[in-house]
Amino acid sequence: MSVTEASPLILHHLNNSRSQRILWLLEELGVPYEIKFYQRTPEQFAPKELLDIHPLGKSPVITDGDVTLAESGAIIEYIINKYGNGKAVPPKDGELIDLYFRHFAEGSFMPLLVNKYVYSLVPQRSPFFIRPLLRAVFATLEGRLVERPLKASLDYIETILAKSGGWFAGGDEPTSADYLMSFGLEGLASRSPELVGPATLAWVSRIHERPAYKRGLEKGGDYDYAKL
């Protein structure tokens, strides 16, 4: 596919979504880009307009000339491979960790966080007379299906970050693992900081202090998870 130089990459950006980490990456790499903004519906779903960009109707999505690409992991790999110029590459001894967390982020970690969110949301949005029953039911589900694997995941993340002393793969700058893990860990650190260890909280703070991250926030608009 040909990509015309005259047309910068476009990020289709949904507020309070995974697309914020794409903004951070684009700013870190200095990639020329434009933003097309989309707002969640009152029910917190992505708007139907995103279906005009990609059949799944979700964000993030990028268009880069003739390329239209969804999925955070695929987008991050595509941008780093095409525009990285040697940046965001893990050191040799961190390559496997980077590879692992690149897939762990969406394959194992985010499903736990989504389930945790859904189990709390359903009782809140149910008719008031069955709310107490549903709270008990979903609290039991969360305890059995989410709490133990989430704690194990967070303990493992804490161990890796404490050992690396900074970014997931070590080294002096974030790599794809950091970009992919940022959304989920930001959400936990801002909403349930008691679940997150000190090395993980320090990692989130390190992200928030980066000038490129701050530029992404300024350009991206509403994002609830940028505070600790």
Protein backbone atom coordinates (compact mmCIF):
# COMPACT_ATOMS: atom_id res chain seq x y z
CA MET A 1 0.00 0.00 0.00
CA SER A 2 1.27 3.46 -0.81
CA VAL A 3 1.25 6.14 1.85
CA THR A 4 1.23 9.73 0.65
CA GLU A 5 3.63 12.04 2.44
CA ALA A 6 1.16 14.94 2.16
CA SER A 7 -1.39 13.19 4.39
CA PRO A 8 -0.30 12.82 8.01
CA LEU A 9 -1.36 9.89 10.11
CA ILE A 10 -4.82 10.37 11.63
CA LEU A 11 -5.70 9.09 15.08
CA HIS A 12 -9.41 8.54 15.64
CA HIS A 13 -9.48 9.44 19.30
CA LEU A 14 -12.23 8.55 21.77
CA ASN A 15 -12.27 10.33 25.11
CA ASN A 16 -11.30 8.23 28.16
CA SER A 17 -10.10 5.34 26.06
CA ARG A 18 -7.10 3.26 25.04
CA SER A 19 -6.37 5.77 22.29
CA GLN A 20 -4.72 8.05 24.86
CA ARG A 21 -1.69 5.75 24.89
CA ILE A 22 -1.41 6.14 21.11
CA LEU A 23 -1.24 9.91 21.59
CA TRP A 24 1.56 9.44 24.10
CA LEU A 25 3.47 7.22 21.65
CA LEU A 26 3.02 9.64 18.74
CA GLU A 27 4.31 12.51 20.86
CA GLU A 28 7.29 10.50 22.11
CA LEU A 29 8.32 9.62 18.56
CA GLY A 30 7.58 13.06 17.10
CA VAL A 31 5.28 11.63 14.42
CA PRO A 32 3.23 14.24 12.49
CA TYR A 33 -0.44 13.43 13.03
CA GLU A 34 -3.94 14.78 13.16
CA ILE A 35 -6.68 13.93 15.66
CA LYS A 36 -10.31 13.29 14.86
CA PHE A 37 -12.31 13.46 18.07
CA TYR A 38 -15.16 11.22 19.13
CA GLN A 39 -17.18 11.42 22.35
CA ARG A 40 -18.70 8.54 24.26
CA THR A 41 -22.46 8.26 24.39
CA PRO A 42 -24.28 8.81 27.72
CA GLU A 43 -24.09 5.01 28.13
CA GLN A 44 -20.29 5.28 27.75
CA PHE A 45 -20.20 3.45 24.41
CA ALA A 46 -18.25 4.58 21.36
CA PRO A 47 -20.38 6.64 18.94
CA LYS A 48 -21.72 5.14 15.71
CA GLU A 49 -19.52 7.47 13.66
CA LEU A 50 -16.55 5.21 14.36
CA LEU A 51 -18.25 2.51 12.31
CA ASP A 52 -17.56 4.67 9.26
CA ILE A 53 -13.83 4.27 9.96
CA HIS A 54 -13.64 0.59 10.91
CA PRO A 55 -16.25 -2.21 10.95
CA LEU A 56 -15.81 -2.80 14.70
CA GLY A 57 -16.58 0.83 15.52
CA LYS A 58 -14.08 1.12 18.35
CA SER A 59 -11.09 3.27 19.24
CA PRO A 60 -8.17 3.48 18.79
CA VAL A 61 -8.10 3.38 15.03
CA ILE A 62 -5.52 5.05 12.82
CA THR A 63 -5.57 5.89 9.15
CA ASP A 64 -2.21 6.39 7.48
CA GLY A 65 -2.63 6.97 3.78
CA ASP A 66 -4.26 3.80 2.46
CA VAL A 67 -3.79 1.99 5.78
CA THR A 68 -6.62 1.70 8.27
CA LEU A 69 -5.64 -0.17 11.42
CA ALA A 70 -7.41 -0.98 14.69
CA GLU A 71 -6.26 -2.75 17.88
CA SER A 72 -3.87 -1.00 20.25
CA GLY A 73 -1.12 -3.62 19.99
CA ALA A 74 -1.14 -3.67 16.21
CA ILE A 75 -1.20 0.15 16.05
CA ILE A 76 1.70 0.51 18.47
CA GLU A 77 3.83 -2.05 16.62
CA TYR A 78 3.00 -0.44 13.27
CA ILE A 79 3.92 3.07 14.46
CA ILE A 80 7.16 1.97 16.14
CA ASN A 81 8.22 -0.11 13.13
CA LYS A 82 7.47 2.65 10.64
CA TYR A 83 8.25 5.83 12.55
CA GLY A 84 10.41 4.79 15.49
CA ASN A 85 13.83 5.47 13.97
CA GLY A 86 15.43 3.29 16.62
CA LYS A 87 13.36 4.58 19.53
CA ALA A 88 11.11 2.44 21.75
CA VAL A 89 13.32 -0.61 21.07
CA PRO A 90 14.00 -2.75 24.15
CA PRO A 91 17.53 -3.68 25.16
CA LYS A 92 18.54 -7.24 24.26
CA ASP A 93 18.03 -8.55 27.76
CA GLY A 94 14.55 -6.99 27.88
CA GLU A 95 13.20 -8.27 24.57
CA LEU A 96 11.29 -11.23 26.03
CA ILE A 97 9.75 -9.11 28.80
CA ASP A 98 8.68 -6.55 26.21
CA LEU A 99 7.19 -9.28 24.02
CA TYR A 100 5.37 -10.85 26.96
CA PHE A 101 3.75 -7.68 28.28
CA ARG A 102 2.89 -6.55 24.77
CA HIS A 103 0.50 -9.52 24.61
CA PHE A 104 -0.32 -9.76 28.30
CA ALA A 105 -1.75 -6.22 28.33
CA GLU A 106 -4.78 -6.96 26.16
CA GLY A 107 -4.80 -10.75 26.27
CA SER A 108 -4.82 -11.28 30.05
CA PHE A 109 -4.79 -8.03 32.00
CA MET A 110 -7.50 -5.89 30.41
CA PRO A 111 -10.13 -8.69 30.44
CA LEU A 112 -9.74 -8.84 34.24
CA LEU A 113 -10.18 -5.08 34.55
CA VAL A 114 -13.16 -5.04 32.20
CA ASN A 115 -14.84 -7.82 34.20
CA LYS A 116 -14.15 -5.95 37.43
CA TYR A 117 -15.76 -2.85 35.95
CA VAL A 118 -18.78 -4.73 34.58
CA TYR A 119 -19.40 -6.56 37.86
CA SER A 120 -19.60 -3.21 39.66
CA LEU A 121 -21.59 -1.49 36.90
CA VAL A 122 -24.46 -3.97 36.51
CA PRO A 123 -25.84 -3.55 40.06
CA GLN A 124 -25.54 0.25 39.80
CA ARG A 125 -27.68 0.30 36.65
CA SER A 126 -30.25 -2.25 37.77
CA PRO A 127 -33.71 -1.43 39.21
CA PHE A 128 -33.30 -0.36 42.82
CA PHE A 129 -35.43 -3.18 44.26
CA ILE A 130 -33.08 -5.91 42.98
CA ARG A 131 -29.89 -3.94 43.51
CA PRO A 132 -28.96 -5.53 46.87
CA LEU A 133 -29.34 -9.02 45.41
CA LEU A 134 -27.28 -8.21 42.33
CA ARG A 135 -24.57 -6.56 44.42
CA ALA A 136 -24.21 -9.78 46.39
CA VAL A 137 -24.23 -11.94 43.26
CA PHE A 138 -21.68 -9.85 41.37
CA ALA A 139 -19.49 -9.41 44.43
CA THR A 140 -19.32 -13.20 44.63
CA LEU A 141 -18.49 -13.44 40.92
CA GLU A 142 -15.77 -10.82 41.28
CA GLY A 143 -14.31 -12.63 44.26
CA ARG A 144 -14.18 -15.95 42.45
CA LEU A 145 -13.27 -14.88 38.93
CA VAL A 146 -11.34 -11.61 39.22
CA GLU A 147 -9.74 -10.95 42.61
CA ARG A 148 -7.26 -13.83 42.73
CA PRO A 149 -5.94 -13.61 39.13
CA LEU A 150 -5.87 -9.81 39.34
CA LYS A 151 -3.81 -9.90 42.52
CA ALA A 152 -1.44 -12.45 40.98
CA SER A 153 -1.09 -10.24 37.89
CA LEU A 154 -0.42 -7.11 39.92
CA ASP A 155 2.11 -8.92 42.10
CA TYR A 156 3.94 -10.09 39.00
CA ILE A 157 3.86 -6.62 37.46
CA GLU A 158 5.24 -5.18 40.70
CA THR A 159 8.06 -7.72 40.73
CA ILE A 160 9.05 -6.92 37.13
CA LEU A 161 8.98 -3.15 37.62
CA ALA A 162 10.87 -3.32 40.92
CA LYS A 163 13.55 -5.42 39.22
CA SER A 164 13.80 -3.29 36.09
CA GLY A 165 14.06 -0.10 38.09
CA GLY A 166 12.05 1.85 35.55
CA TRP A 167 10.43 0.66 32.34
CA PHE A 168 9.14 -2.87 31.81
CA ALA A 169 11.98 -3.94 29.53
CA GLY A 170 14.63 -1.93 31.34
CA GLY A 171 16.57 0.64 29.37
CA ASP A 172 16.25 4.40 29.34
CA GLU A 173 12.94 4.87 27.54
CA PRO A 174 9.50 3.28 27.32
CA THR A 175 8.90 0.47 24.84
CA SER A 176 5.74 -1.07 23.44
CA ALA A 177 5.10 -2.93 26.72
CA ASP A 178 4.90 0.37 28.60
CA TYR A 179 2.57 1.97 26.09
CA LEU A 180 0.26 -1.04 26.13
CA MET A 181 0.22 -1.46 29.90
CA SER A 182 -0.33 2.23 30.60
CA PHE A 183 -4.12 2.41 30.18
CA GLY A 184 -5.01 -0.42 32.54
CA LEU A 185 -2.51 0.51 35.23
CA GLU A 186 -3.45 4.19 35.06
CA GLY A 187 -7.06 3.24 35.62
CA LEU A 188 -6.24 1.11 38.64
CA ALA A 189 -3.81 3.62 40.10
CA SER A 190 -6.38 6.42 39.88
CA ARG A 191 -9.46 4.44 40.97
CA SER A 192 -8.09 1.68 43.23
CA PRO A 193 -4.59 2.74 44.31
CA GLU A 194 -4.68 0.35 47.26
CA LEU A 195 -4.39 -2.55 44.79
CA VAL A 196 -1.21 -1.24 43.18
CA GLY A 197 2.33 -1.64 44.55
CA PRO A 198 4.90 1.15 45.04
CA ALA A 199 7.02 0.26 42.00
CA THR A 200 3.90 0.28 39.83
CA LEU A 201 2.73 3.62 41.23
CA ALA A 202 6.21 5.04 40.60
CA TRP A 203 6.02 3.76 37.01
CA VAL A 204 2.67 5.51 36.46
CA SER A 205 4.09 8.72 37.96
CA ARG A 206 7.11 8.43 35.66
CA ILE A 207 4.79 8.29 32.65
CA HIS A 208 2.77 11.29 33.83
CA GLU A 209 5.93 13.35 34.26
CA ARG A 210 7.09 12.90 30.67
CA PRO A 211 6.71 16.00 28.47
CA ALA A 212 5.41 13.88 25.58
CA TYR A 213 2.68 12.42 27.78
CA LYS A 214 1.65 15.91 28.91
CA ARG A 215 1.50 17.09 25.30
CA GLY A 216 -0.72 14.14 24.46
CA LEU A 217 -3.06 15.08 27.31
CA GLU A 218 -3.27 18.68 26.14
CA LYS A 219 -4.13 17.60 22.62
CA GLY A 220 -6.42 14.70 23.51
CA GLY A 221 -8.82 16.41 25.89
CA ASP A 222 -10.86 14.63 28.57
CA TYR A 223 -9.05 11.75 30.22
CA ASP A 224 -9.96 10.72 33.74
CA TYR A 225 -6.97 8.49 34.52
CA ALA A 226 -4.11 10.98 34.43
CA LYS A 227 -4.28 11.69 38.16
CA LEU A 228 -2.99 9.67 41.10
